[in-house]
Amino acid sequence: MSSDKFKFILIGLVFILWAPLSQKADSYPQSNEPPVKSDANPSSSKKDWKYIFTHFTVIAPGRISRYDRIIKKYSWRYGFDWRLIAAQIYAESRFDPGVRSYVGAVGLMQIMPGTAKHLGTHPKLLLKPEINIALGVLYDRRLYNIWKEEKGKDRLAFTFASYNAGHNRVLRAQKKARLPDKWKSIKRHLPGQTRHYVFKIFKAYETYKKIVF
């Protein structure tokens, strides 16, 4: 690897992992509130816990995974409820940092090597949990910023669908939909795998909100 290429990768990692938080507002325009508020419901029954341990990955009461600290760090930095990002990681990899998909996606947030390069990171580093999560949440933020006309949960659904299927594919689905800014209208024009992916994230998120605050 040339010294210039190494310097480029190193600078990219420094920006992603240790950029001052004061840069957040300048780099990622957003409201004063995160896209999803932390509106946890403190009540959780034994039935809830049985369902959670059966269907979702939870390591202990009040903890979703061993990566909670890292997920919180980058979710806060880029303006998301950390439990939503945890739900996405569950949908992507079930919190397995070494998993690889048949198309080549790597790690906790199943990032493609090409996406890593685009974000200034060497693909070999995707197996490092913190780097993988940092890149994934940064990519979420960039996608979220694209969908400015969509509101609330629709905007999040568009973001996750773009993460899964690609931004251009979601744009094509929009053109076919009767209500192009509504997830319910465009999702029928997207692959079933993408629809299930978005559903699984929201399902896990609603469950995590009941037990993690």
N, C-alpha and C. Protein backbone atom coordinates (compact mmCIF):
# COMPACT_ATOMS: atom_id res chain seq x y z
N MET A 1 0.86 -1.20 0.00
CA MET A 1 0.00 0.00 0.00
C MET A 1 0.89 1.24 0.00
N SER A 2 0.64 2.22 -0.89
CA SER A 2 1.43 3.43 -0.95
C SER A 2 1.20 4.28 0.29
N SER A 3 2.20 5.15 0.60
CA SER A 3 2.07 6.01 1.79
C SER A 3 0.92 6.99 1.64
N ASP A 4 0.66 7.48 0.42
CA ASP A 4 -0.44 8.42 0.21
C ASP A 4 -1.78 7.75 0.46
N LYS A 5 -1.93 6.50 -0.01
CA LYS A 5 -3.19 5.78 0.19
C LYS A 5 -3.41 5.49 1.66
N PHE A 6 -2.32 5.12 2.37
CA PHE A 6 -2.43 4.85 3.80
C PHE A 6 -2.85 6.11 4.54
N LYS A 7 -2.29 7.25 4.18
CA LYS A 7 -2.65 8.51 4.84
C LYS A 7 -4.12 8.82 4.61
N PHE A 8 -4.63 8.57 3.40
CA PHE A 8 -6.04 8.84 3.09
C PHE A 8 -6.95 7.99 3.97
N ILE A 9 -6.62 6.70 4.09
CA ILE A 9 -7.43 5.80 4.92
C ILE A 9 -7.38 6.23 6.37
N LEU A 10 -6.18 6.60 6.86
CA LEU A 10 -6.03 7.00 8.25
C LEU A 10 -6.82 8.26 8.55
N ILE A 11 -6.77 9.24 7.65
CA ILE A 11 -7.54 10.48 7.84
C ILE A 11 -9.03 10.19 7.87
N GLY A 12 -9.48 9.29 6.98
CA GLY A 12 -10.90 8.93 6.96
C GLY A 12 -11.35 8.32 8.26
N LEU A 13 -10.53 7.43 8.82
CA LEU A 13 -10.88 6.79 10.09
C LEU A 13 -10.90 7.79 11.23
N VAL A 14 -9.95 8.71 11.24
CA VAL A 14 -9.94 9.73 12.29
C VAL A 14 -11.21 10.56 12.24
N PHE A 15 -11.65 10.92 11.04
CA PHE A 15 -12.88 11.71 10.91
C PHE A 15 -14.09 10.94 11.40
N ILE A 16 -14.19 9.68 11.01
CA ILE A 16 -15.37 8.88 11.36
C ILE A 16 -15.43 8.56 12.84
N LEU A 17 -14.28 8.19 13.43
CA LEU A 17 -14.28 7.70 14.80
C LEU A 17 -14.07 8.79 15.84
N TRP A 18 -13.31 9.83 15.50
CA TRP A 18 -12.96 10.80 16.54
C TRP A 18 -13.23 12.24 16.14
N ALA A 19 -14.02 12.47 15.13
CA ALA A 19 -14.37 13.84 14.76
C ALA A 19 -15.06 14.52 15.93
N PRO A 20 -14.74 15.79 16.21
CA PRO A 20 -15.40 16.49 17.31
C PRO A 20 -16.90 16.48 17.12
N LEU A 21 -17.63 16.30 18.18
CA LEU A 21 -19.08 16.24 18.08
C LEU A 21 -19.66 17.57 17.65
N SER A 22 -18.89 18.66 17.81
CA SER A 22 -19.39 19.96 17.38
C SER A 22 -19.57 20.03 15.88
N GLN A 23 -18.94 19.10 15.14
CA GLN A 23 -19.08 19.08 13.68
C GLN A 23 -20.39 18.47 13.24
N LYS A 24 -21.10 17.83 14.15
CA LYS A 24 -22.30 17.08 13.75
C LYS A 24 -23.31 17.97 13.06
N ALA A 25 -23.59 19.13 13.64
CA ALA A 25 -24.64 19.99 13.11
C ALA A 25 -24.25 20.54 11.75
N ASP A 26 -22.93 20.82 11.54
CA ASP A 26 -22.50 21.37 10.27
C ASP A 26 -22.49 20.30 9.18
N SER A 27 -22.03 19.10 9.52
CA SER A 27 -21.90 18.05 8.51
C SER A 27 -23.21 17.36 8.21
N TYR A 28 -24.12 17.32 9.20
CA TYR A 28 -25.36 16.57 9.05
C TYR A 28 -26.52 17.43 9.52
N PRO A 29 -27.02 18.32 8.66
CA PRO A 29 -28.13 19.20 9.06
C PRO A 29 -29.30 18.40 9.58
N GLN A 30 -29.83 18.82 10.71
CA GLN A 30 -30.94 18.11 11.31
C GLN A 30 -31.62 19.01 12.31
N SER A 31 -32.77 18.58 12.80
CA SER A 31 -33.47 19.32 13.82
C SER A 31 -32.77 19.12 15.15
N ASN A 32 -33.24 19.81 16.19
CA ASN A 32 -32.65 19.66 17.51
C ASN A 32 -32.97 18.34 18.16
N GLU A 33 -33.92 17.60 17.60
CA GLU A 33 -34.31 16.31 18.14
C GLU A 33 -33.88 15.21 17.18
N PRO A 34 -33.57 14.02 17.71
CA PRO A 34 -33.22 12.91 16.83
C PRO A 34 -34.42 12.47 16.01
N PRO A 35 -34.20 11.76 14.89
CA PRO A 35 -35.31 11.28 14.07
C PRO A 35 -36.33 10.48 14.85
N VAL A 36 -35.87 9.74 15.84
CA VAL A 36 -36.79 8.97 16.67
C VAL A 36 -36.50 9.27 18.12
N LYS A 37 -37.50 9.71 18.86
CA LYS A 37 -37.31 10.03 20.27
C LYS A 37 -37.22 8.75 21.09
N SER A 38 -36.61 8.88 22.26
CA SER A 38 -36.52 7.75 23.18
C SER A 38 -37.77 7.70 24.04
N ASP A 39 -38.86 7.23 23.45
CA ASP A 39 -40.15 7.24 24.13
C ASP A 39 -40.46 5.86 24.70
N ALA A 40 -39.57 5.37 25.54
CA ALA A 40 -39.73 4.02 26.06
C ALA A 40 -40.94 3.90 26.95
N ASN A 41 -41.58 2.76 26.85
CA ASN A 41 -42.67 2.41 27.76
C ASN A 41 -42.08 1.58 28.88
N PRO A 42 -42.09 2.07 30.14
CA PRO A 42 -41.40 1.37 31.21
C PRO A 42 -42.02 0.05 31.61
N SER A 43 -43.23 -0.24 31.14
CA SER A 43 -43.88 -1.49 31.54
C SER A 43 -43.45 -2.63 30.63
N SER A 44 -43.00 -3.73 31.22
CA SER A 44 -42.66 -4.92 30.44
C SER A 44 -43.01 -6.14 31.26
N SER A 45 -43.84 -6.98 30.70
CA SER A 45 -44.34 -8.14 31.42
C SER A 45 -43.44 -9.34 31.19
N LYS A 46 -43.70 -10.42 31.96
CA LYS A 46 -42.97 -11.66 31.75
C LYS A 46 -43.21 -12.20 30.35
N LYS A 47 -44.41 -11.95 29.83
CA LYS A 47 -44.73 -12.38 28.47
C LYS A 47 -43.83 -11.66 27.47
N ASP A 48 -43.62 -10.34 27.70
CA ASP A 48 -42.73 -9.58 26.83
C ASP A 48 -41.33 -10.20 26.81
N TRP A 49 -40.82 -10.51 28.01
CA TRP A 49 -39.47 -11.06 28.11
C TRP A 49 -39.36 -12.41 27.41
N LYS A 50 -40.38 -13.25 27.57
CA LYS A 50 -40.36 -14.55 26.91
C LYS A 50 -40.30 -14.37 25.40
N TYR A 51 -41.08 -13.43 24.87
CA TYR A 51 -41.09 -13.18 23.43
C TYR A 51 -39.72 -12.66 22.97
N ILE A 52 -39.16 -11.74 23.76
CA ILE A 52 -37.89 -11.13 23.39
C ILE A 52 -36.78 -12.17 23.33
N PHE A 53 -36.67 -13.00 24.36
CA PHE A 53 -35.60 -14.00 24.38
C PHE A 53 -35.82 -15.08 23.32
N THR A 54 -37.06 -15.27 22.89
CA THR A 54 -37.35 -16.26 21.86
C THR A 54 -37.05 -15.73 20.47
N HIS A 55 -37.36 -14.45 20.23
CA HIS A 55 -37.31 -13.91 18.87
C HIS A 55 -36.18 -12.92 18.63
N PHE A 56 -35.63 -12.32 19.67
CA PHE A 56 -34.61 -11.29 19.49
C PHE A 56 -33.39 -11.60 20.35
N THR A 57 -32.29 -10.96 20.03
CA THR A 57 -31.05 -11.16 20.77
C THR A 57 -30.97 -10.15 21.90
N VAL A 58 -31.04 -10.61 23.13
CA VAL A 58 -30.87 -9.77 24.31
C VAL A 58 -29.99 -10.55 25.28
N ILE A 59 -28.94 -9.90 25.83
CA ILE A 59 -28.01 -10.66 26.66
C ILE A 59 -28.34 -10.57 28.15
N ALA A 60 -29.11 -9.54 28.54
CA ALA A 60 -29.47 -9.39 29.96
C ALA A 60 -30.52 -8.30 30.06
N PRO A 61 -31.28 -8.27 31.15
CA PRO A 61 -32.24 -7.17 31.34
C PRO A 61 -31.54 -5.82 31.24
N GLY A 62 -32.07 -4.96 30.38
CA GLY A 62 -31.49 -3.64 30.20
C GLY A 62 -30.34 -3.58 29.21
N ARG A 63 -29.93 -4.72 28.67
CA ARG A 63 -28.83 -4.75 27.70
C ARG A 63 -29.26 -5.54 26.46
N ILE A 64 -28.99 -4.98 25.31
CA ILE A 64 -29.34 -5.65 24.06
C ILE A 64 -28.18 -6.51 23.57
N SER A 65 -26.98 -5.96 23.63
CA SER A 65 -25.81 -6.69 23.13
C SER A 65 -24.56 -6.21 23.84
N ARG A 66 -23.45 -6.87 23.56
CA ARG A 66 -22.19 -6.42 24.15
C ARG A 66 -21.64 -5.19 23.44
N TYR A 67 -22.34 -4.74 22.39
CA TYR A 67 -21.90 -3.56 21.65
C TYR A 67 -22.72 -2.32 22.00
N ASP A 68 -23.51 -2.38 23.04
CA ASP A 68 -24.41 -1.27 23.39
C ASP A 68 -23.66 0.05 23.51
N ARG A 69 -22.51 0.05 24.17
CA ARG A 69 -21.78 1.30 24.39
C ARG A 69 -21.39 1.94 23.05
N ILE A 70 -20.91 1.13 22.13
CA ILE A 70 -20.51 1.65 20.82
C ILE A 70 -21.73 2.13 20.04
N ILE A 71 -22.80 1.36 20.09
CA ILE A 71 -24.03 1.74 19.38
C ILE A 71 -24.55 3.07 19.91
N LYS A 72 -24.55 3.24 21.22
CA LYS A 72 -25.02 4.50 21.82
C LYS A 72 -24.15 5.67 21.36
N LYS A 73 -22.86 5.46 21.36
CA LYS A 73 -21.91 6.52 20.99
C LYS A 73 -22.21 7.09 19.60
N TYR A 74 -22.33 6.22 18.62
CA TYR A 74 -22.51 6.70 17.24
C TYR A 74 -23.97 7.03 16.92
N SER A 75 -24.90 6.40 17.59
CA SER A 75 -26.31 6.78 17.41
C SER A 75 -26.52 8.20 17.90
N TRP A 76 -25.95 8.52 19.05
CA TRP A 76 -26.09 9.89 19.57
C TRP A 76 -25.39 10.88 18.64
N ARG A 77 -24.21 10.53 18.17
CA ARG A 77 -23.45 11.44 17.32
C ARG A 77 -24.22 11.79 16.06
N TYR A 78 -24.91 10.82 15.47
CA TYR A 78 -25.59 11.06 14.20
C TYR A 78 -27.10 11.21 14.34
N GLY A 79 -27.60 11.30 15.58
CA GLY A 79 -28.99 11.70 15.80
C GLY A 79 -30.04 10.63 15.73
N PHE A 80 -29.71 9.40 16.14
CA PHE A 80 -30.70 8.32 16.14
C PHE A 80 -30.88 7.76 17.55
N ASP A 81 -32.07 7.22 17.81
CA ASP A 81 -32.28 6.44 19.02
C ASP A 81 -31.41 5.18 18.91
N TRP A 82 -30.59 4.93 19.91
CA TRP A 82 -29.65 3.82 19.80
C TRP A 82 -30.34 2.47 19.69
N ARG A 83 -31.55 2.37 20.24
CA ARG A 83 -32.27 1.10 20.16
C ARG A 83 -32.73 0.81 18.74
N LEU A 84 -32.95 1.87 17.97
CA LEU A 84 -33.30 1.70 16.55
C LEU A 84 -32.12 1.13 15.78
N ILE A 85 -30.93 1.66 16.05
CA ILE A 85 -29.73 1.15 15.38
C ILE A 85 -29.43 -0.28 15.83
N ALA A 86 -29.66 -0.56 17.12
CA ALA A 86 -29.49 -1.94 17.59
C ALA A 86 -30.44 -2.87 16.86
N ALA A 87 -31.66 -2.41 16.62
CA ALA A 87 -32.63 -3.22 15.88
C ALA A 87 -32.16 -3.46 14.45
N GLN A 88 -31.55 -2.46 13.85
CA GLN A 88 -31.01 -2.64 12.50
C GLN A 88 -29.86 -3.65 12.50
N ILE A 89 -29.00 -3.57 13.50
CA ILE A 89 -27.89 -4.52 13.58
C ILE A 89 -28.43 -5.94 13.78
N TYR A 90 -29.47 -6.06 14.60
CA TYR A 90 -30.10 -7.38 14.76
C TYR A 90 -30.58 -7.90 13.40
N ALA A 91 -31.24 -7.04 12.63
CA ALA A 91 -31.76 -7.45 11.33
C ALA A 91 -30.64 -7.80 10.36
N GLU A 92 -29.52 -7.11 10.47
CA GLU A 92 -28.41 -7.33 9.55
C GLU A 92 -27.59 -8.58 9.89
N SER A 93 -27.26 -8.75 11.16
CA SER A 93 -26.26 -9.77 11.50
C SER A 93 -26.53 -10.54 12.79
N ARG A 94 -27.60 -10.20 13.48
CA ARG A 94 -27.85 -10.78 14.81
C ARG A 94 -26.63 -10.61 15.72
N PHE A 95 -25.97 -9.48 15.57
CA PHE A 95 -24.84 -9.09 16.42
C PHE A 95 -23.63 -10.01 16.27
N ASP A 96 -23.47 -10.59 15.10
CA ASP A 96 -22.29 -11.41 14.80
C ASP A 96 -21.30 -10.56 14.01
N PRO A 97 -20.17 -10.15 14.61
CA PRO A 97 -19.24 -9.25 13.92
C PRO A 97 -18.46 -9.91 12.79
N GLY A 98 -18.47 -11.24 12.72
CA GLY A 98 -17.69 -11.93 11.70
C GLY A 98 -18.48 -12.43 10.52
N VAL A 99 -19.77 -12.12 10.48
CA VAL A 99 -20.61 -12.68 9.43
C VAL A 99 -20.33 -12.00 8.09
N ARG A 100 -20.39 -12.78 7.02
CA ARG A 100 -20.25 -12.28 5.65
C ARG A 100 -21.42 -12.81 4.83
N SER A 101 -21.99 -11.95 4.01
CA SER A 101 -23.11 -12.38 3.18
C SER A 101 -22.59 -12.96 1.87
N TYR A 102 -23.48 -13.59 1.12
CA TYR A 102 -23.08 -14.20 -0.15
C TYR A 102 -22.71 -13.15 -1.19
N VAL A 103 -23.13 -11.89 -0.97
CA VAL A 103 -22.77 -10.83 -1.92
C VAL A 103 -21.54 -10.07 -1.46
N GLY A 104 -20.99 -10.43 -0.29
CA GLY A 104 -19.75 -9.81 0.17
C GLY A 104 -19.88 -8.79 1.27
N ALA A 105 -21.10 -8.54 1.77
CA ALA A 105 -21.27 -7.60 2.88
C ALA A 105 -20.64 -8.17 4.14
N VAL A 106 -20.09 -7.28 4.97
CA VAL A 106 -19.25 -7.73 6.08
C VAL A 106 -19.69 -7.13 7.41
N GLY A 107 -19.67 -7.95 8.46
CA GLY A 107 -19.74 -7.46 9.82
C GLY A 107 -21.11 -7.14 10.36
N LEU A 108 -21.12 -6.48 11.50
CA LEU A 108 -22.33 -6.22 12.26
C LEU A 108 -23.41 -5.52 11.44
N MET A 109 -23.02 -4.52 10.64
CA MET A 109 -23.99 -3.77 9.86
C MET A 109 -23.92 -4.12 8.38
N GLN A 110 -23.25 -5.25 8.07
CA GLN A 110 -23.23 -5.80 6.71
C GLN A 110 -22.90 -4.73 5.67
N ILE A 111 -21.73 -4.15 5.81
CA ILE A 111 -21.29 -3.09 4.92
C ILE A 111 -20.52 -3.69 3.75
N MET A 112 -20.83 -3.22 2.56
CA MET A 112 -20.13 -3.68 1.37
C MET A 112 -18.75 -3.05 1.31
N PRO A 113 -17.75 -3.78 0.83
CA PRO A 113 -16.40 -3.22 0.71
C PRO A 113 -16.37 -1.92 -0.09
N GLY A 114 -17.18 -1.84 -1.14
CA GLY A 114 -17.22 -0.62 -1.94
C GLY A 114 -17.73 0.57 -1.16
N THR A 115 -18.69 0.34 -0.29
CA THR A 115 -19.21 1.41 0.56
C THR A 115 -18.14 1.87 1.54
N ALA A 116 -17.40 0.92 2.10
CA ALA A 116 -16.32 1.26 3.03
C ALA A 116 -15.28 2.15 2.33
N LYS A 117 -14.90 1.77 1.12
CA LYS A 117 -13.93 2.58 0.37
C LYS A 117 -14.48 3.97 0.11
N HIS A 118 -15.76 4.05 -0.25
CA HIS A 118 -16.40 5.34 -0.51
C HIS A 118 -16.36 6.23 0.72
N LEU A 119 -16.44 5.61 1.90
CA LEU A 119 -16.42 6.37 3.15
C LEU A 119 -15.00 6.52 3.71
N GLY A 120 -14.00 6.14 2.93
CA GLY A 120 -12.62 6.36 3.32
C GLY A 120 -12.02 5.34 4.25
N THR A 121 -12.53 4.10 4.21
CA THR A 121 -12.05 3.05 5.11
C THR A 121 -11.65 1.81 4.33
N HIS A 122 -10.55 1.19 4.71
CA HIS A 122 -10.12 -0.03 4.04
C HIS A 122 -11.08 -1.17 4.40
N PRO A 123 -11.54 -1.94 3.42
CA PRO A 123 -12.50 -3.02 3.69
C PRO A 123 -12.05 -4.03 4.75
N LYS A 124 -10.73 -4.23 4.90
CA LYS A 124 -10.25 -5.19 5.90
C LYS A 124 -10.62 -4.77 7.32
N LEU A 125 -10.89 -3.49 7.51
CA LEU A 125 -11.21 -2.98 8.85
C LEU A 125 -12.67 -3.19 9.22
N LEU A 126 -13.47 -3.68 8.29
CA LEU A 126 -14.90 -3.85 8.56
C LEU A 126 -15.19 -4.91 9.61
N LEU A 127 -14.23 -5.77 9.89
CA LEU A 127 -14.44 -6.79 10.92
C LEU A 127 -14.25 -6.23 12.33
N LYS A 128 -13.77 -5.01 12.43
CA LYS A 128 -13.65 -4.36 13.74
C LYS A 128 -15.01 -3.76 14.11
N PRO A 129 -15.62 -4.20 15.21
CA PRO A 129 -16.99 -3.77 15.54
C PRO A 129 -17.19 -2.26 15.57
N GLU A 130 -16.27 -1.52 16.19
CA GLU A 130 -16.50 -0.07 16.30
C GLU A 130 -16.45 0.60 14.94
N ILE A 131 -15.52 0.21 14.11
CA ILE A 131 -15.43 0.81 12.78
C ILE A 131 -16.66 0.44 11.95
N ASN A 132 -17.10 -0.79 12.02
CA ASN A 132 -18.28 -1.23 11.28
C ASN A 132 -19.51 -0.45 11.70
N ILE A 133 -19.71 -0.31 13.00
CA ILE A 133 -20.88 0.42 13.50
C ILE A 133 -20.79 1.89 13.14
N ALA A 134 -19.61 2.48 13.30
CA ALA A 134 -19.44 3.90 12.97
C ALA A 134 -19.79 4.17 11.51
N LEU A 135 -19.30 3.31 10.62
CA LEU A 135 -19.59 3.49 9.19
C LEU A 135 -21.06 3.27 8.89
N GLY A 136 -21.65 2.25 9.51
CA GLY A 136 -23.06 1.96 9.25
C GLY A 136 -23.98 3.08 9.67
N VAL A 137 -23.73 3.65 10.85
CA VAL A 137 -24.60 4.73 11.33
C VAL A 137 -24.35 6.01 10.53
N LEU A 138 -23.10 6.26 10.15
CA LEU A 138 -22.80 7.39 9.27
C LEU A 138 -23.55 7.24 7.95
N TYR A 139 -23.55 6.04 7.39
CA TYR A 139 -24.26 5.80 6.14
C TYR A 139 -25.77 5.98 6.32
N ASP A 140 -26.31 5.50 7.44
CA ASP A 140 -27.72 5.75 7.76
C ASP A 140 -28.02 7.24 7.74
N ARG A 141 -27.14 8.02 8.35
CA ARG A 141 -27.36 9.46 8.45
C ARG A 141 -27.36 10.10 7.06
N ARG A 142 -26.44 9.69 6.23
CA ARG A 142 -26.39 10.25 4.87
C ARG A 142 -27.65 9.90 4.09
N LEU A 143 -28.11 8.68 4.22
CA LEU A 143 -29.35 8.29 3.55
C LEU A 143 -30.54 9.04 4.12
N TYR A 144 -30.59 9.18 5.43
CA TYR A 144 -31.69 9.90 6.07
C TYR A 144 -31.76 11.33 5.57
N ASN A 145 -30.60 11.95 5.36
CA ASN A 145 -30.57 13.34 4.89
C ASN A 145 -31.08 13.48 3.46
N ILE A 146 -31.05 12.40 2.70
CA ILE A 146 -31.54 12.43 1.31
C ILE A 146 -33.06 12.57 1.28
N TRP A 147 -33.74 11.87 2.19
CA TRP A 147 -35.20 11.79 2.15
C TRP A 147 -35.83 12.93 2.96
N LYS A 148 -35.72 14.13 2.43
CA LYS A 148 -36.17 15.32 3.16
C LYS A 148 -37.68 15.54 3.07
N GLU A 149 -38.32 15.02 2.03
CA GLU A 149 -39.76 15.23 1.86
C GLU A 149 -40.59 14.26 2.69
N GLU A 150 -40.01 13.13 3.06
CA GLU A 150 -40.72 12.12 3.84
C GLU A 150 -40.64 12.49 5.32
N LYS A 151 -41.65 12.09 6.08
CA LYS A 151 -41.73 12.50 7.48
C LYS A 151 -41.80 11.29 8.41
N GLY A 152 -41.30 11.47 9.63
CA GLY A 152 -41.47 10.49 10.70
C GLY A 152 -41.02 9.09 10.34
N LYS A 153 -41.88 8.14 10.60
CA LYS A 153 -41.55 6.73 10.38
C LYS A 153 -41.36 6.43 8.90
N ASP A 154 -42.08 7.15 8.03
CA ASP A 154 -41.89 6.95 6.58
C ASP A 154 -40.45 7.27 6.19
N ARG A 155 -39.93 8.35 6.74
CA ARG A 155 -38.55 8.75 6.40
C ARG A 155 -37.55 7.69 6.85
N LEU A 156 -37.78 7.14 8.03
CA LEU A 156 -36.90 6.07 8.51
C LEU A 156 -37.02 4.82 7.64
N ALA A 157 -38.24 4.49 7.23
CA ALA A 157 -38.44 3.32 6.37
C ALA A 157 -37.71 3.50 5.04
N PHE A 158 -37.78 4.70 4.47
CA PHE A 158 -37.07 4.99 3.22
C PHE A 158 -35.56 4.85 3.43
N THR A 159 -35.09 5.31 4.59
CA THR A 159 -33.67 5.23 4.91
C THR A 159 -33.20 3.78 4.96
N PHE A 160 -33.93 2.95 5.70
CA PHE A 160 -33.52 1.55 5.84
C PHE A 160 -33.69 0.77 4.53
N ALA A 161 -34.73 1.10 3.77
CA ALA A 161 -34.91 0.44 2.48
C ALA A 161 -33.75 0.79 1.54
N SER A 162 -33.29 2.03 1.60
CA SER A 162 -32.15 2.45 0.78
C SER A 162 -30.88 1.75 1.23
N TYR A 163 -30.71 1.57 2.52
CA TYR A 163 -29.55 0.86 3.07
C TYR A 163 -29.53 -0.57 2.55
N ASN A 164 -30.70 -1.17 2.45
CA ASN A 164 -30.81 -2.57 2.06
C ASN A 164 -30.78 -2.78 0.55
N ALA A 165 -31.56 -1.99 -0.17
CA ALA A 165 -31.75 -2.23 -1.61
C ALA A 165 -31.03 -1.23 -2.50
N GLY A 166 -30.58 -0.12 -1.91
CA GLY A 166 -29.94 0.92 -2.70
C GLY A 166 -30.87 2.10 -2.92
N HIS A 167 -30.30 3.28 -2.88
CA HIS A 167 -31.08 4.52 -3.03
C HIS A 167 -31.81 4.58 -4.36
N ASN A 168 -31.13 4.19 -5.43
CA ASN A 168 -31.73 4.28 -6.76
C ASN A 168 -32.94 3.36 -6.91
N ARG A 169 -32.88 2.21 -6.28
CA ARG A 169 -34.00 1.28 -6.36
C ARG A 169 -35.23 1.86 -5.66
N VAL A 170 -35.00 2.55 -4.56
CA VAL A 170 -36.12 3.18 -3.85
C VAL A 170 -36.68 4.33 -4.69
N LEU A 171 -35.82 5.05 -5.36
CA LEU A 171 -36.29 6.12 -6.25
C LEU A 171 -37.18 5.56 -7.36
N ARG A 172 -36.79 4.43 -7.93
CA ARG A 172 -37.60 3.82 -8.98
C ARG A 172 -38.95 3.38 -8.43
N ALA A 173 -38.96 2.86 -7.22
CA ALA A 173 -40.23 2.46 -6.60
C ALA A 173 -41.12 3.67 -6.37
N GLN A 174 -40.52 4.78 -6.00
CA GLN A 174 -41.28 6.02 -5.80
C GLN A 174 -42.03 6.43 -7.06
N LYS A 175 -41.38 6.30 -8.19
CA LYS A 175 -41.98 6.71 -9.46
C LYS A 175 -43.20 5.88 -9.82
N LYS A 176 -43.27 4.67 -9.30
CA LYS A 176 -44.40 3.78 -9.59
C LYS A 176 -45.53 3.91 -8.57
N ALA A 177 -45.25 4.54 -7.45
CA ALA A 177 -46.21 4.57 -6.35
C ALA A 177 -47.23 5.70 -6.51
N ARG A 178 -48.44 5.46 -6.01
CA ARG A 178 -49.48 6.49 -6.06
C ARG A 178 -49.15 7.62 -5.09
N LEU A 179 -48.62 7.28 -3.93
CA LEU A 179 -48.20 8.27 -2.93
C LEU A 179 -46.70 8.10 -2.71
N PRO A 180 -45.89 8.81 -3.48
CA PRO A 180 -44.45 8.55 -3.49
C PRO A 180 -43.70 8.87 -2.20
N ASP A 181 -44.32 9.61 -1.29
CA ASP A 181 -43.64 9.92 -0.03
C ASP A 181 -44.12 9.05 1.13
N LYS A 182 -44.91 8.00 0.82
CA LYS A 182 -45.45 7.12 1.85
C LYS A 182 -44.89 5.70 1.69
N TRP A 183 -44.35 5.18 2.76
CA TRP A 183 -43.78 3.83 2.72
C TRP A 183 -44.82 2.79 2.33
N LYS A 184 -46.01 2.91 2.86
CA LYS A 184 -47.07 1.94 2.57
C LYS A 184 -47.36 1.87 1.08
N SER A 185 -47.18 2.99 0.39
CA SER A 185 -47.47 3.05 -1.04
C SER A 185 -46.32 2.52 -1.89
N ILE A 186 -45.09 2.82 -1.50
CA ILE A 186 -43.96 2.41 -2.36
C ILE A 186 -43.46 1.00 -2.08
N LYS A 187 -43.73 0.48 -0.88
CA LYS A 187 -43.09 -0.80 -0.52
C LYS A 187 -43.53 -1.95 -1.43
N ARG A 188 -44.73 -1.87 -1.99
CA ARG A 188 -45.19 -2.95 -2.87
C ARG A 188 -44.38 -3.01 -4.16
N HIS A 189 -43.63 -1.95 -4.45
CA HIS A 189 -42.80 -1.91 -5.65
C HIS A 189 -41.34 -2.26 -5.35
N LEU A 190 -41.08 -2.73 -4.13
CA LEU A 190 -39.73 -3.13 -3.73
C LEU A 190 -39.68 -4.64 -3.49
N PRO A 191 -38.50 -5.22 -3.51
CA PRO A 191 -38.39 -6.67 -3.28
C PRO A 191 -38.93 -7.08 -1.91
N GLY A 192 -39.45 -8.28 -1.84
CA GLY A 192 -39.97 -8.79 -0.58
C GLY A 192 -38.92 -8.80 0.52
N GLN A 193 -37.67 -9.08 0.15
CA GLN A 193 -36.60 -9.11 1.14
C GLN A 193 -36.41 -7.74 1.78
N THR A 194 -36.54 -6.68 1.00
CA THR A 194 -36.40 -5.32 1.53
C THR A 194 -37.58 -4.97 2.43
N ARG A 195 -38.77 -5.34 2.01
CA ARG A 195 -39.95 -5.08 2.85
C ARG A 195 -39.82 -5.79 4.19
N HIS A 196 -39.37 -7.03 4.16
CA HIS A 196 -39.22 -7.80 5.40
C HIS A 196 -38.12 -7.20 6.27
N TYR A 197 -37.07 -6.73 5.66
CA TYR A 197 -35.95 -6.10 6.39
C TYR A 197 -36.44 -4.89 7.19
N VAL A 198 -37.19 -4.02 6.54
CA VAL A 198 -37.71 -2.82 7.22
C VAL A 198 -38.69 -3.23 8.32
N PHE A 199 -39.56 -4.18 8.02
CA PHE A 199 -40.52 -4.66 9.03
C PHE A 199 -39.78 -5.22 10.25
N LYS A 200 -38.73 -6.00 10.01
CA LYS A 200 -38.00 -6.63 11.11
C LYS A 200 -37.31 -5.60 11.99
N ILE A 201 -36.78 -4.54 11.39
CA ILE A 201 -36.16 -3.47 12.18
C ILE A 201 -37.18 -2.81 13.09
N PHE A 202 -38.33 -2.43 12.54
CA PHE A 202 -39.34 -1.75 13.36
C PHE A 202 -39.92 -2.68 14.42
N LYS A 203 -40.05 -3.96 14.10
CA LYS A 203 -40.56 -4.92 15.07
C LYS A 203 -39.59 -5.07 16.24
N ALA A 204 -38.31 -5.21 15.93
CA ALA A 204 -37.30 -5.33 16.98
C ALA A 204 -37.22 -4.04 17.79
N TYR A 205 -37.32 -2.91 17.12
CA TYR A 205 -37.25 -1.61 17.81
C TYR A 205 -38.39 -1.45 18.80
N GLU A 206 -39.60 -1.76 18.38
CA GLU A 206 -40.74 -1.65 19.29
C GLU A 206 -40.57 -2.57 20.49
N THR A 207 -39.99 -3.72 20.27
CA THR A 207 -39.75 -4.66 21.37
C THR A 207 -38.67 -4.14 22.31
N TYR A 208 -37.56 -3.65 21.76
CA TYR A 208 -36.48 -3.14 22.59
C TYR A 208 -36.92 -1.96 23.44
N LYS A 209 -37.83 -1.14 22.90
CA LYS A 209 -38.28 0.03 23.67
C LYS A 209 -39.00 -0.36 24.95
N LYS A 210 -39.54 -1.56 24.98
CA LYS A 210 -40.27 -2.01 26.17
C LYS A 210 -39.36 -2.40 27.32
N ILE A 211 -38.11 -2.72 26.99
CA ILE A 211 -37.26 -3.31 28.02
C ILE A 211 -35.91 -2.61 28.22
N VAL A 212 -35.56 -1.70 27.33
CA VAL A 212 -34.27 -1.00 27.43
C VAL A 212 -34.53 0.50 27.37
N PHE A 213 -33.99 1.23 28.33
CA PHE A 213 -34.30 2.66 28.44
C PHE A 213 -33.07 3.53 28.25
